[in-house]
Amino acid sequence: MPDASGGGRAERRGPDRLPKFGDRRRISVGLLGGSFNPAHAGHRHIAELARRRLGLDQVWLMVSPGNVLKPLAGMAPLSDRVAGATAIADGRRILATAIEAELGTRYTVDTMRELRRRFPRVRFVWIMGADLLAQLPRWRRWRAIVRELPFAVLPRPGQTRGALAGQAARYLRFGRRPAHEAPVLARARAGWVFLPVAENAASATEIRRRAETGAVS
């Protein structure tokens, strides 16, 4: 498990230090998790749109120490990925953190419960792209996650239609709220919305491919 501090530049910039009021005030926080390998404009785009449409106080870019569904080959060190996420965050409304490494959790269901224990007054909303909605049935105890945490789904180029017709969306069809009810999601115990917002085509996979081949825009 990588060091919780993130090391290097990430340690000096302190991305893991979430606001001190996070465990005192009743705020609403969106959780946007991922490898951020690397972080890019699409992540910032999603975070900004979700924060506004859901009426959130903050969005946390949770940089995963390691995704069990992704290969280790080509995965940059945690410190580099945290530094990249910190660079696209604003340090106030959008924050970068490697808190999963500090908590020692590998699965979302465990991270969710640890965050609620640590921040009992925070109202969390999980934010994901449509590609993750399609993958959700492969996640450990995914039904427990969606029973205990409201979430919002944003479109992903070429994947949205299939995800909204997939296994997870069918299972959760009765918990889906219309998009105009997005601002109440943070006050709900569970349920989800699909936000039909403008897509951003940025892809970490494509960025890595272009870097490896030396391609330019």
N, C-alpha and C. Protein backbone atom coordinates (compact mmCIF):
# COMPACT_ATOMS: atom_id res chain seq x y z
N MET A 1 0.85 -1.20 0.00
CA MET A 1 0.00 0.00 0.00
C MET A 1 0.88 1.24 0.00
N PRO A 2 0.65 2.20 -0.90
CA PRO A 2 1.49 3.40 -0.94
C PRO A 2 1.37 4.19 0.35
N ASP A 3 2.42 4.99 0.60
CA ASP A 3 2.42 5.84 1.79
C ASP A 3 1.28 6.83 1.74
N ALA A 4 0.62 7.05 2.88
CA ALA A 4 -0.56 7.91 2.92
C ALA A 4 -0.25 9.35 2.59
N SER A 5 0.96 9.78 2.81
CA SER A 5 1.29 11.18 2.58
C SER A 5 1.35 11.53 1.11
N GLY A 6 1.51 10.53 0.25
CA GLY A 6 1.64 10.78 -1.17
C GLY A 6 3.07 11.08 -1.56
N GLY A 7 3.90 11.64 -0.66
CA GLY A 7 5.31 11.87 -0.91
C GLY A 7 5.57 13.01 -1.87
N GLY A 8 6.84 13.39 -2.01
CA GLY A 8 7.27 14.36 -3.00
C GLY A 8 6.49 15.66 -2.95
N ARG A 9 6.19 16.17 -4.15
CA ARG A 9 5.47 17.43 -4.27
C ARG A 9 4.12 17.38 -3.57
N ALA A 10 3.44 16.24 -3.66
CA ALA A 10 2.12 16.13 -3.06
C ALA A 10 2.18 16.35 -1.56
N GLU A 11 3.26 15.84 -0.92
CA GLU A 11 3.38 16.00 0.52
C GLU A 11 3.58 17.46 0.90
N ARG A 12 4.40 18.17 0.14
CA ARG A 12 4.68 19.56 0.45
C ARG A 12 3.44 20.43 0.27
N ARG A 13 2.62 20.10 -0.73
CA ARG A 13 1.44 20.91 -1.00
C ARG A 13 0.27 20.53 -0.10
N GLY A 14 0.39 19.41 0.57
CA GLY A 14 -0.62 19.02 1.55
C GLY A 14 -1.98 18.68 0.99
N PRO A 15 -2.09 17.92 -0.12
CA PRO A 15 -3.41 17.63 -0.68
C PRO A 15 -4.28 16.77 0.21
N ASP A 16 -3.64 16.01 1.13
CA ASP A 16 -4.43 15.14 2.00
C ASP A 16 -5.13 15.90 3.12
N ARG A 17 -4.74 17.15 3.35
CA ARG A 17 -5.30 17.89 4.48
C ARG A 17 -6.65 18.48 4.09
N LEU A 18 -7.69 17.73 4.28
CA LEU A 18 -9.03 18.22 3.98
C LEU A 18 -9.38 19.32 4.97
N PRO A 19 -10.30 20.21 4.61
CA PRO A 19 -10.64 21.34 5.49
C PRO A 19 -10.96 20.89 6.90
N LYS A 20 -10.45 21.63 7.87
CA LYS A 20 -10.65 21.24 9.26
C LYS A 20 -12.12 21.24 9.64
N PHE A 21 -12.91 22.07 8.94
CA PHE A 21 -14.33 22.10 9.30
C PHE A 21 -15.08 20.90 8.74
N GLY A 22 -14.38 20.03 7.98
CA GLY A 22 -15.05 18.89 7.37
C GLY A 22 -15.71 17.96 8.37
N ASP A 23 -15.18 17.89 9.60
CA ASP A 23 -15.78 16.99 10.58
C ASP A 23 -16.60 17.74 11.63
N ARG A 24 -16.82 19.06 11.42
CA ARG A 24 -17.59 19.83 12.39
C ARG A 24 -18.88 20.40 11.79
N ARG A 25 -18.79 20.91 10.58
CA ARG A 25 -19.96 21.55 9.98
C ARG A 25 -20.73 20.57 9.11
N ARG A 26 -22.00 20.81 9.00
CA ARG A 26 -22.84 19.95 8.17
C ARG A 26 -22.78 20.45 6.74
N ILE A 27 -21.82 19.95 5.99
CA ILE A 27 -21.65 20.36 4.61
C ILE A 27 -21.97 19.18 3.69
N SER A 28 -22.12 19.48 2.41
CA SER A 28 -22.36 18.44 1.41
C SER A 28 -21.14 18.32 0.52
N VAL A 29 -20.70 17.09 0.30
CA VAL A 29 -19.45 16.82 -0.40
C VAL A 29 -19.66 15.76 -1.47
N GLY A 30 -19.20 16.04 -2.67
CA GLY A 30 -19.20 15.05 -3.73
C GLY A 30 -17.89 14.30 -3.75
N LEU A 31 -17.95 13.00 -3.91
CA LEU A 31 -16.76 12.14 -3.95
C LEU A 31 -16.54 11.68 -5.39
N LEU A 32 -15.47 12.19 -6.00
CA LEU A 32 -15.13 11.78 -7.36
C LEU A 32 -13.83 10.99 -7.28
N GLY A 33 -13.97 9.67 -7.27
CA GLY A 33 -12.82 8.80 -7.12
C GLY A 33 -12.29 8.33 -8.46
N GLY A 34 -11.02 7.94 -8.46
CA GLY A 34 -10.43 7.42 -9.68
C GLY A 34 -8.93 7.31 -9.56
N SER A 35 -8.32 6.79 -10.62
CA SER A 35 -6.86 6.64 -10.64
C SER A 35 -6.18 7.97 -10.94
N PHE A 36 -6.84 8.84 -11.70
CA PHE A 36 -6.25 10.12 -12.10
C PHE A 36 -4.86 9.88 -12.69
N ASN A 37 -4.84 9.02 -13.70
CA ASN A 37 -3.57 8.55 -14.28
C ASN A 37 -3.47 8.91 -15.77
N PRO A 38 -3.33 10.19 -16.11
CA PRO A 38 -3.18 11.35 -15.21
C PRO A 38 -4.49 12.09 -15.02
N ALA A 39 -4.47 13.06 -14.10
CA ALA A 39 -5.60 13.99 -13.96
C ALA A 39 -5.64 14.88 -15.20
N HIS A 40 -6.85 15.26 -15.63
CA HIS A 40 -6.96 16.08 -16.84
C HIS A 40 -8.19 16.98 -16.78
N ALA A 41 -8.37 17.76 -17.81
CA ALA A 41 -9.45 18.75 -17.84
C ALA A 41 -10.83 18.11 -17.71
N GLY A 42 -10.97 16.87 -18.17
CA GLY A 42 -12.26 16.20 -18.05
C GLY A 42 -12.66 15.97 -16.60
N HIS A 43 -11.68 15.67 -15.74
CA HIS A 43 -11.97 15.50 -14.32
C HIS A 43 -12.46 16.81 -13.71
N ARG A 44 -11.78 17.91 -14.04
CA ARG A 44 -12.19 19.21 -13.52
C ARG A 44 -13.58 19.58 -14.05
N HIS A 45 -13.83 19.27 -15.31
CA HIS A 45 -15.13 19.53 -15.93
C HIS A 45 -16.25 18.82 -15.17
N ILE A 46 -16.06 17.54 -14.90
CA ILE A 46 -17.07 16.76 -14.17
C ILE A 46 -17.26 17.31 -12.76
N ALA A 47 -16.16 17.60 -12.09
CA ALA A 47 -16.24 18.09 -10.71
C ALA A 47 -17.00 19.41 -10.63
N GLU A 48 -16.70 20.33 -11.54
CA GLU A 48 -17.37 21.64 -11.54
C GLU A 48 -18.85 21.50 -11.84
N LEU A 49 -19.18 20.73 -12.86
CA LEU A 49 -20.59 20.55 -13.22
C LEU A 49 -21.37 19.89 -12.09
N ALA A 50 -20.80 18.84 -11.52
CA ALA A 50 -21.49 18.13 -10.43
C ALA A 50 -21.68 19.04 -9.23
N ARG A 51 -20.66 19.82 -8.89
CA ARG A 51 -20.78 20.70 -7.73
C ARG A 51 -21.92 21.70 -7.92
N ARG A 52 -22.01 22.27 -9.11
CA ARG A 52 -23.07 23.26 -9.37
C ARG A 52 -24.44 22.61 -9.45
N ARG A 53 -24.55 21.54 -10.22
CA ARG A 53 -25.87 20.93 -10.44
C ARG A 53 -26.41 20.27 -9.18
N LEU A 54 -25.53 19.74 -8.33
CA LEU A 54 -25.97 19.08 -7.11
C LEU A 54 -26.02 20.03 -5.92
N GLY A 55 -25.55 21.25 -6.11
CA GLY A 55 -25.56 22.21 -5.01
C GLY A 55 -24.63 21.83 -3.88
N LEU A 56 -23.44 21.32 -4.21
CA LEU A 56 -22.51 20.82 -3.20
C LEU A 56 -21.60 21.93 -2.70
N ASP A 57 -21.16 21.80 -1.46
CA ASP A 57 -20.18 22.73 -0.92
C ASP A 57 -18.78 22.44 -1.47
N GLN A 58 -18.47 21.17 -1.63
CA GLN A 58 -17.15 20.78 -2.12
C GLN A 58 -17.25 19.50 -2.95
N VAL A 59 -16.22 19.28 -3.77
CA VAL A 59 -16.00 17.99 -4.43
C VAL A 59 -14.57 17.56 -4.08
N TRP A 60 -14.43 16.32 -3.62
CA TRP A 60 -13.12 15.76 -3.30
C TRP A 60 -12.68 14.84 -4.43
N LEU A 61 -11.52 15.14 -5.02
CA LEU A 61 -10.92 14.26 -6.02
C LEU A 61 -10.13 13.20 -5.26
N MET A 62 -10.72 12.03 -5.12
CA MET A 62 -10.10 10.96 -4.32
C MET A 62 -9.22 10.09 -5.22
N VAL A 63 -7.92 10.30 -5.09
CA VAL A 63 -6.96 9.56 -5.92
C VAL A 63 -6.72 8.19 -5.30
N SER A 64 -7.08 7.16 -6.03
CA SER A 64 -6.98 5.80 -5.52
C SER A 64 -5.53 5.33 -5.46
N PRO A 65 -5.12 4.69 -4.36
CA PRO A 65 -3.77 4.11 -4.31
C PRO A 65 -3.61 2.95 -5.28
N GLY A 66 -4.73 2.33 -5.67
CA GLY A 66 -4.68 1.23 -6.62
C GLY A 66 -6.07 0.69 -6.88
N ASN A 67 -6.47 0.67 -8.13
CA ASN A 67 -7.78 0.15 -8.52
C ASN A 67 -7.65 -1.33 -8.83
N VAL A 68 -8.39 -2.15 -8.10
CA VAL A 68 -8.26 -3.60 -8.27
C VAL A 68 -8.76 -4.07 -9.64
N LEU A 69 -9.50 -3.22 -10.35
CA LEU A 69 -10.01 -3.59 -11.67
C LEU A 69 -9.11 -3.08 -12.79
N LYS A 70 -8.00 -2.42 -12.43
CA LYS A 70 -7.10 -1.90 -13.45
C LYS A 70 -5.72 -2.53 -13.29
N PRO A 71 -5.01 -2.75 -14.40
CA PRO A 71 -3.67 -3.34 -14.31
C PRO A 71 -2.67 -2.36 -13.70
N LEU A 72 -1.65 -2.90 -13.03
CA LEU A 72 -0.62 -2.06 -12.44
C LEU A 72 0.32 -1.48 -13.49
N ALA A 73 0.46 -2.17 -14.61
CA ALA A 73 1.35 -1.70 -15.67
C ALA A 73 0.86 -0.35 -16.18
N GLY A 74 1.78 0.60 -16.24
CA GLY A 74 1.43 1.92 -16.73
C GLY A 74 0.84 2.85 -15.69
N MET A 75 0.69 2.38 -14.46
CA MET A 75 0.13 3.21 -13.39
C MET A 75 1.25 4.06 -12.77
N ALA A 76 1.09 5.36 -12.82
CA ALA A 76 2.10 6.27 -12.25
C ALA A 76 2.09 6.17 -10.74
N PRO A 77 3.18 6.55 -10.08
CA PRO A 77 3.22 6.54 -8.61
C PRO A 77 2.10 7.41 -8.03
N LEU A 78 1.66 7.04 -6.86
CA LEU A 78 0.59 7.78 -6.20
C LEU A 78 0.94 9.26 -6.05
N SER A 79 2.19 9.55 -5.69
CA SER A 79 2.58 10.94 -5.48
C SER A 79 2.41 11.76 -6.74
N ASP A 80 2.72 11.19 -7.90
CA ASP A 80 2.57 11.91 -9.16
C ASP A 80 1.10 12.14 -9.49
N ARG A 81 0.29 11.13 -9.24
CA ARG A 81 -1.13 11.26 -9.56
C ARG A 81 -1.83 12.25 -8.63
N VAL A 82 -1.44 12.26 -7.36
CA VAL A 82 -2.00 13.23 -6.42
C VAL A 82 -1.58 14.65 -6.81
N ALA A 83 -0.32 14.80 -7.20
CA ALA A 83 0.16 16.11 -7.63
C ALA A 83 -0.62 16.61 -8.84
N GLY A 84 -0.93 15.70 -9.77
CA GLY A 84 -1.71 16.08 -10.94
C GLY A 84 -3.13 16.49 -10.57
N ALA A 85 -3.74 15.75 -9.65
CA ALA A 85 -5.08 16.11 -9.21
C ALA A 85 -5.09 17.43 -8.45
N THR A 86 -4.04 17.66 -7.68
CA THR A 86 -3.92 18.93 -6.95
C THR A 86 -3.82 20.10 -7.92
N ALA A 87 -3.14 19.88 -9.04
CA ALA A 87 -2.95 20.94 -10.03
C ALA A 87 -4.26 21.36 -10.69
N ILE A 88 -5.24 20.45 -10.81
CA ILE A 88 -6.50 20.82 -11.44
C ILE A 88 -7.55 21.23 -10.41
N ALA A 89 -7.25 21.06 -9.12
CA ALA A 89 -8.17 21.47 -8.06
C ALA A 89 -7.95 22.95 -7.75
N ASP A 90 -8.89 23.53 -7.00
CA ASP A 90 -8.71 24.94 -6.62
C ASP A 90 -8.37 25.10 -5.15
N GLY A 91 -8.34 23.99 -4.38
CA GLY A 91 -7.95 24.05 -2.98
C GLY A 91 -9.02 24.56 -2.04
N ARG A 92 -10.21 24.86 -2.56
CA ARG A 92 -11.28 25.38 -1.70
C ARG A 92 -12.59 24.65 -1.96
N ARG A 93 -13.07 24.76 -3.17
CA ARG A 93 -14.30 24.05 -3.54
C ARG A 93 -14.02 22.68 -4.12
N ILE A 94 -12.90 22.54 -4.78
CA ILE A 94 -12.48 21.26 -5.35
C ILE A 94 -11.13 20.91 -4.76
N LEU A 95 -11.06 19.77 -4.06
CA LEU A 95 -9.86 19.39 -3.31
C LEU A 95 -9.35 18.04 -3.79
N ALA A 96 -8.04 17.90 -3.82
CA ALA A 96 -7.42 16.62 -4.15
C ALA A 96 -6.99 15.93 -2.87
N THR A 97 -7.18 14.62 -2.81
CA THR A 97 -6.81 13.88 -1.60
C THR A 97 -6.46 12.44 -1.92
N ALA A 98 -5.54 11.89 -1.15
CA ALA A 98 -5.21 10.46 -1.21
C ALA A 98 -5.69 9.80 0.07
N ILE A 99 -6.85 10.20 0.54
CA ILE A 99 -7.33 9.74 1.85
C ILE A 99 -7.54 8.23 1.90
N GLU A 100 -7.80 7.58 0.76
CA GLU A 100 -7.96 6.13 0.80
C GLU A 100 -6.67 5.44 1.24
N ALA A 101 -5.52 5.99 0.83
CA ALA A 101 -4.25 5.42 1.28
C ALA A 101 -4.10 5.57 2.78
N GLU A 102 -4.52 6.72 3.32
CA GLU A 102 -4.45 6.95 4.76
C GLU A 102 -5.38 6.00 5.51
N LEU A 103 -6.58 5.81 4.96
CA LEU A 103 -7.56 4.93 5.60
C LEU A 103 -7.18 3.46 5.47
N GLY A 104 -6.37 3.14 4.46
CA GLY A 104 -5.99 1.75 4.24
C GLY A 104 -7.09 0.94 3.58
N THR A 105 -7.97 1.58 2.82
CA THR A 105 -9.07 0.88 2.17
C THR A 105 -8.78 0.68 0.69
N ARG A 106 -9.25 -0.44 0.15
CA ARG A 106 -9.07 -0.73 -1.28
C ARG A 106 -10.39 -0.74 -2.03
N TYR A 107 -11.48 -0.93 -1.31
CA TYR A 107 -12.78 -1.05 -1.94
C TYR A 107 -13.68 0.10 -1.53
N THR A 108 -14.52 0.54 -2.47
CA THR A 108 -15.39 1.70 -2.23
C THR A 108 -16.30 1.48 -1.03
N VAL A 109 -16.81 0.29 -0.86
CA VAL A 109 -17.73 0.04 0.25
C VAL A 109 -17.05 0.30 1.59
N ASP A 110 -15.77 -0.04 1.71
CA ASP A 110 -15.03 0.20 2.95
C ASP A 110 -14.67 1.68 3.09
N THR A 111 -14.28 2.31 1.99
CA THR A 111 -13.96 3.74 2.03
C THR A 111 -15.17 4.55 2.47
N MET A 112 -16.32 4.24 1.91
CA MET A 112 -17.55 4.95 2.23
C MET A 112 -17.85 4.90 3.73
N ARG A 113 -17.70 3.74 4.32
CA ARG A 113 -18.03 3.60 5.74
C ARG A 113 -16.99 4.29 6.63
N GLU A 114 -15.73 4.26 6.22
CA GLU A 114 -14.71 4.95 6.99
C GLU A 114 -14.88 6.47 6.91
N LEU A 115 -15.24 6.97 5.75
CA LEU A 115 -15.46 8.41 5.61
C LEU A 115 -16.64 8.87 6.48
N ARG A 116 -17.68 8.08 6.52
CA ARG A 116 -18.83 8.45 7.35
C ARG A 116 -18.48 8.40 8.83
N ARG A 117 -17.59 7.50 9.20
CA ARG A 117 -17.18 7.44 10.60
C ARG A 117 -16.32 8.66 10.94
N ARG A 118 -15.44 9.04 10.03
CA ARG A 118 -14.54 10.15 10.28
C ARG A 118 -15.23 11.51 10.17
N PHE A 119 -16.19 11.62 9.27
CA PHE A 119 -16.90 12.88 9.05
C PHE A 119 -18.40 12.66 9.24
N PRO A 120 -18.85 12.44 10.46
CA PRO A 120 -20.25 12.05 10.70
C PRO A 120 -21.28 13.11 10.32
N ARG A 121 -20.88 14.37 10.21
CA ARG A 121 -21.84 15.42 9.89
C ARG A 121 -21.85 15.81 8.41
N VAL A 122 -20.96 15.21 7.63
CA VAL A 122 -20.90 15.52 6.20
C VAL A 122 -21.91 14.66 5.44
N ARG A 123 -22.59 15.28 4.49
CA ARG A 123 -23.51 14.56 3.61
C ARG A 123 -22.77 14.28 2.30
N PHE A 124 -22.50 13.01 2.06
CA PHE A 124 -21.72 12.62 0.89
C PHE A 124 -22.61 12.24 -0.28
N VAL A 125 -22.15 12.59 -1.48
CA VAL A 125 -22.76 12.14 -2.73
C VAL A 125 -21.63 11.59 -3.60
N TRP A 126 -21.83 10.42 -4.12
CA TRP A 126 -20.84 9.78 -4.97
C TRP A 126 -21.05 10.25 -6.41
N ILE A 127 -19.99 10.65 -7.08
CA ILE A 127 -20.05 11.14 -8.45
C ILE A 127 -19.30 10.16 -9.34
N MET A 128 -19.91 9.75 -10.44
CA MET A 128 -19.24 8.82 -11.36
C MET A 128 -19.66 9.09 -12.79
N GLY A 129 -18.79 8.68 -13.71
CA GLY A 129 -19.13 8.72 -15.12
C GLY A 129 -19.95 7.49 -15.49
N ALA A 130 -20.60 7.57 -16.63
CA ALA A 130 -21.43 6.45 -17.08
C ALA A 130 -20.63 5.17 -17.24
N ASP A 131 -19.35 5.28 -17.55
CA ASP A 131 -18.53 4.08 -17.70
C ASP A 131 -18.44 3.30 -16.39
N LEU A 132 -18.41 4.01 -15.26
CA LEU A 132 -18.36 3.32 -13.96
C LEU A 132 -19.72 2.73 -13.59
N LEU A 133 -20.80 3.36 -14.02
CA LEU A 133 -22.12 2.76 -13.79
C LEU A 133 -22.20 1.40 -14.47
N ALA A 134 -21.65 1.30 -15.67
CA ALA A 134 -21.66 0.02 -16.38
C ALA A 134 -20.81 -1.03 -15.67
N GLN A 135 -19.71 -0.59 -15.02
CA GLN A 135 -18.82 -1.52 -14.32
C GLN A 135 -19.29 -1.87 -12.92
N LEU A 136 -20.26 -1.16 -12.41
CA LEU A 136 -20.65 -1.27 -11.01
C LEU A 136 -20.91 -2.70 -10.53
N PRO A 137 -21.57 -3.56 -11.31
CA PRO A 137 -21.82 -4.93 -10.83
C PRO A 137 -20.54 -5.72 -10.56
N ARG A 138 -19.39 -5.26 -11.01
CA ARG A 138 -18.12 -5.95 -10.76
C ARG A 138 -17.50 -5.50 -9.44
N TRP A 139 -18.07 -4.48 -8.81
CA TRP A 139 -17.50 -3.94 -7.59
C TRP A 139 -17.93 -4.77 -6.38
N ARG A 140 -17.05 -4.84 -5.40
CA ARG A 140 -17.37 -5.58 -4.17
C ARG A 140 -18.55 -4.95 -3.46
N ARG A 141 -19.56 -5.74 -3.17
CA ARG A 141 -20.75 -5.33 -2.41
C ARG A 141 -21.37 -4.05 -2.98
N TRP A 142 -21.51 -4.02 -4.30
CA TRP A 142 -22.01 -2.81 -4.94
C TRP A 142 -23.44 -2.48 -4.54
N ARG A 143 -24.23 -3.49 -4.25
CA ARG A 143 -25.61 -3.21 -3.83
C ARG A 143 -25.66 -2.52 -2.47
N ALA A 144 -24.72 -2.87 -1.60
CA ALA A 144 -24.64 -2.19 -0.30
C ALA A 144 -24.25 -0.72 -0.49
N ILE A 145 -23.36 -0.46 -1.44
CA ILE A 145 -22.94 0.92 -1.70
C ILE A 145 -24.13 1.77 -2.12
N VAL A 146 -24.89 1.31 -3.09
CA VAL A 146 -25.98 2.13 -3.62
C VAL A 146 -27.17 2.20 -2.67
N ARG A 147 -27.24 1.29 -1.71
CA ARG A 147 -28.30 1.39 -0.69
C ARG A 147 -27.98 2.45 0.35
N GLU A 148 -26.70 2.76 0.53
CA GLU A 148 -26.28 3.61 1.63
C GLU A 148 -25.73 4.96 1.20
N LEU A 149 -25.55 5.18 -0.10
CA LEU A 149 -24.93 6.41 -0.56
C LEU A 149 -25.61 6.90 -1.83
N PRO A 150 -26.16 8.13 -1.83
CA PRO A 150 -26.74 8.66 -3.07
C PRO A 150 -25.63 8.93 -4.08
N PHE A 151 -25.96 8.87 -5.35
CA PHE A 151 -24.93 9.11 -6.35
C PHE A 151 -25.50 9.76 -7.60
N ALA A 152 -24.59 10.41 -8.32
CA ALA A 152 -24.95 11.08 -9.57
C ALA A 152 -24.09 10.51 -10.69
N VAL A 153 -24.70 10.30 -11.85
CA VAL A 153 -24.01 9.76 -13.01
C VAL A 153 -23.94 10.84 -14.08
N LEU A 154 -22.76 11.03 -14.64
CA LEU A 154 -22.57 11.98 -15.71
C LEU A 154 -22.20 11.25 -16.99
N PRO A 155 -22.54 11.80 -18.15
CA PRO A 155 -22.30 11.09 -19.41
C PRO A 155 -20.82 10.92 -19.72
N ARG A 156 -20.53 9.85 -20.46
CA ARG A 156 -19.19 9.61 -20.98
C ARG A 156 -19.32 9.29 -22.46
N PRO A 157 -18.50 9.90 -23.31
CA PRO A 157 -18.63 9.70 -24.76
C PRO A 157 -18.65 8.23 -25.15
N GLY A 158 -19.69 7.85 -25.87
CA GLY A 158 -19.80 6.49 -26.39
C GLY A 158 -20.23 5.44 -25.40
N GLN A 159 -20.45 5.79 -24.14
CA GLN A 159 -20.76 4.78 -23.13
C GLN A 159 -22.06 5.02 -22.37
N THR A 160 -22.62 6.18 -22.54
CA THR A 160 -23.78 6.56 -21.72
C THR A 160 -25.00 5.69 -22.00
N ARG A 161 -25.34 5.53 -23.25
CA ARG A 161 -26.56 4.79 -23.59
C ARG A 161 -26.50 3.35 -23.07
N GLY A 162 -25.38 2.69 -23.27
CA GLY A 162 -25.25 1.31 -22.80
C GLY A 162 -25.32 1.22 -21.28
N ALA A 163 -24.70 2.17 -20.60
CA ALA A 163 -24.70 2.14 -19.14
C ALA A 163 -26.10 2.33 -18.58
N LEU A 164 -26.89 3.22 -19.18
CA LEU A 164 -28.24 3.49 -18.69
C LEU A 164 -29.21 2.35 -19.00
N ALA A 165 -28.79 1.43 -19.86
CA ALA A 165 -29.60 0.25 -20.16
C ALA A 165 -29.00 -1.01 -19.54
N GLY A 166 -27.94 -0.86 -18.76
CA GLY A 166 -27.21 -2.00 -18.24
C GLY A 166 -27.78 -2.57 -16.95
N GLN A 167 -27.08 -3.55 -16.40
CA GLN A 167 -27.54 -4.29 -15.23
C GLN A 167 -27.75 -3.40 -14.02
N ALA A 168 -26.79 -2.54 -13.73
CA ALA A 168 -26.90 -1.69 -12.54
C ALA A 168 -28.07 -0.73 -12.66
N ALA A 169 -28.21 -0.08 -13.82
CA ALA A 169 -29.31 0.88 -14.02
C ALA A 169 -30.67 0.19 -13.93
N ARG A 170 -30.77 -1.02 -14.44
CA ARG A 170 -32.04 -1.75 -14.34
C ARG A 170 -32.35 -2.10 -12.90
N TYR A 171 -31.34 -2.54 -12.16
CA TYR A 171 -31.55 -2.89 -10.75
C TYR A 171 -31.98 -1.67 -9.95
N LEU A 172 -31.46 -0.51 -10.31
CA LEU A 172 -31.68 0.71 -9.54
C LEU A 172 -32.77 1.61 -10.13
N ARG A 173 -33.56 1.09 -11.06
CA ARG A 173 -34.50 1.95 -11.79
C ARG A 173 -35.51 2.63 -10.88
N PHE A 174 -35.90 1.98 -9.78
CA PHE A 174 -36.92 2.59 -8.92
C PHE A 174 -36.33 3.66 -8.00
N GLY A 175 -35.01 3.70 -7.88
CA GLY A 175 -34.38 4.71 -7.06
C GLY A 175 -33.92 5.93 -7.84
N ARG A 176 -34.13 5.91 -9.16
CA ARG A 176 -33.67 7.02 -9.99
C ARG A 176 -34.61 8.22 -9.85
N ARG A 177 -34.01 9.39 -9.65
CA ARG A 177 -34.75 10.64 -9.56
C ARG A 177 -34.58 11.42 -10.87
N PRO A 178 -35.54 12.26 -11.22
CA PRO A 178 -35.35 13.10 -12.40
C PRO A 178 -34.23 14.10 -12.18
N ALA A 179 -33.62 14.55 -13.25
CA ALA A 179 -32.45 15.42 -13.15
C ALA A 179 -32.74 16.71 -12.39
N HIS A 180 -33.98 17.22 -12.48
CA HIS A 180 -34.28 18.49 -11.81
C HIS A 180 -34.29 18.35 -10.28
N GLU A 181 -34.28 17.11 -9.78
CA GLU A 181 -34.22 16.90 -8.33
C GLU A 181 -32.78 16.72 -7.84
N ALA A 182 -31.80 16.96 -8.70
CA ALA A 182 -30.40 16.79 -8.31
C ALA A 182 -30.02 17.55 -7.05
N PRO A 183 -30.51 18.80 -6.84
CA PRO A 183 -30.10 19.54 -5.64
C PRO A 183 -30.53 18.91 -4.31
N VAL A 184 -31.51 18.00 -4.33
CA VAL A 184 -31.95 17.39 -3.07
C VAL A 184 -31.22 16.09 -2.79
N LEU A 185 -30.37 15.66 -3.72
CA LEU A 185 -29.74 14.35 -3.57
C LEU A 185 -28.86 14.29 -2.33
N ALA A 186 -28.16 15.38 -2.04
CA ALA A 186 -27.26 15.38 -0.87
C ALA A 186 -28.01 15.21 0.44
N ARG A 187 -29.29 15.48 0.44
CA ARG A 187 -30.09 15.32 1.67
C ARG A 187 -30.79 13.97 1.72
N ALA A 188 -30.64 13.17 0.66
CA ALA A 188 -31.31 11.87 0.59
C ALA A 188 -30.41 10.78 1.17
N ARG A 189 -31.03 9.74 1.68
CA ARG A 189 -30.26 8.61 2.21
C ARG A 189 -29.68 7.78 1.08
N ALA A 190 -30.40 7.68 -0.03
CA ALA A 190 -29.95 6.91 -1.17
C ALA A 190 -30.64 7.47 -2.41
N GLY A 191 -30.54 6.75 -3.53
CA GLY A 191 -31.12 7.21 -4.77
C GLY A 191 -30.06 7.79 -5.69
N TRP A 192 -30.45 8.07 -6.94
CA TRP A 192 -29.48 8.56 -7.90
C TRP A 192 -30.14 9.38 -8.99
N VAL A 193 -29.30 10.16 -9.67
CA VAL A 193 -29.76 10.94 -10.81
C VAL A 193 -28.76 10.78 -11.95
N PHE A 194 -29.26 10.92 -13.16
CA PHE A 194 -28.39 11.06 -14.32
C PHE A 194 -28.45 12.52 -14.74
N LEU A 195 -27.28 13.15 -14.85
CA LEU A 195 -27.22 14.57 -15.21
C LEU A 195 -26.85 14.69 -16.69
N PRO A 196 -27.79 15.09 -17.53
CA PRO A 196 -27.51 15.22 -18.97
C PRO A 196 -26.76 16.51 -19.27
N VAL A 197 -25.48 16.52 -18.96
CA VAL A 197 -24.66 17.72 -19.14
C VAL A 197 -23.74 17.55 -20.34
N ALA A 198 -23.09 18.64 -20.71
CA ALA A 198 -22.15 18.60 -21.83
C ALA A 198 -21.01 17.63 -21.53
N GLU A 199 -20.64 16.83 -22.51
CA GLU A 199 -19.57 15.87 -22.33
C GLU A 199 -18.21 16.50 -22.57
N ASN A 200 -17.20 15.91 -21.96
CA ASN A 200 -15.82 16.30 -22.21
C ASN A 200 -15.09 15.06 -22.69
N ALA A 201 -14.47 15.15 -23.84
CA ALA A 201 -13.88 13.97 -24.47
C ALA A 201 -12.50 13.61 -23.94
N ALA A 202 -11.97 14.38 -22.98
CA ALA A 202 -10.63 14.08 -22.46
C ALA A 202 -10.58 12.67 -21.87
N SER A 203 -9.50 11.97 -22.15
CA SER A 203 -9.35 10.58 -21.71
C SER A 203 -7.94 10.36 -21.19
N ALA A 204 -7.82 9.82 -19.97
CA ALA A 204 -6.50 9.53 -19.43
C ALA A 204 -5.77 8.49 -20.28
N THR A 205 -6.52 7.51 -20.79
CA THR A 205 -5.91 6.48 -21.64
C THR A 205 -5.31 7.10 -22.89
N GLU A 206 -6.05 8.02 -23.52
CA GLU A 206 -5.56 8.66 -24.73
C GLU A 206 -4.38 9.57 -24.43
N ILE A 207 -4.41 10.27 -23.29
CA ILE A 207 -3.29 11.13 -22.91
C ILE A 207 -2.03 10.29 -22.73
N ARG A 208 -2.16 9.13 -22.07
CA ARG A 208 -0.98 8.26 -21.88
C ARG A 208 -0.48 7.74 -23.22
N ARG A 209 -1.39 7.37 -24.10
CA ARG A 209 -0.99 6.85 -25.41
C ARG A 209 -0.20 7.90 -26.19
N ARG A 210 -0.69 9.12 -26.17
CA ARG A 210 -0.02 10.20 -26.91
C ARG A 210 1.35 10.51 -26.30
N ALA A 211 1.44 10.41 -24.99
CA ALA A 211 2.72 10.66 -24.33
C ALA A 211 3.73 9.58 -24.70
N GLU A 212 3.25 8.33 -24.76
CA GLU A 212 4.15 7.20 -25.07
C GLU A 212 4.64 7.26 -26.51
N THR A 213 3.78 7.74 -27.42
CA THR A 213 4.15 7.77 -28.84
C THR A 213 4.78 9.09 -29.24
N GLY A 214 4.76 10.08 -28.33
CA GLY A 214 5.32 11.38 -28.65
C GLY A 214 4.42 12.19 -29.54
N ALA A 215 3.12 11.82 -29.62
CA ALA A 215 2.20 12.54 -30.48
C ALA A 215 1.92 13.91 -29.91
N VAL A 216 1.58 14.85 -30.79
CA VAL A 216 1.23 16.19 -30.36
C VAL A 216 -0.16 16.52 -30.84
N SER A 217 -0.83 17.48 -30.19
CA SER A 217 -2.19 17.85 -30.56
C SER A 217 -2.18 18.55 -31.92
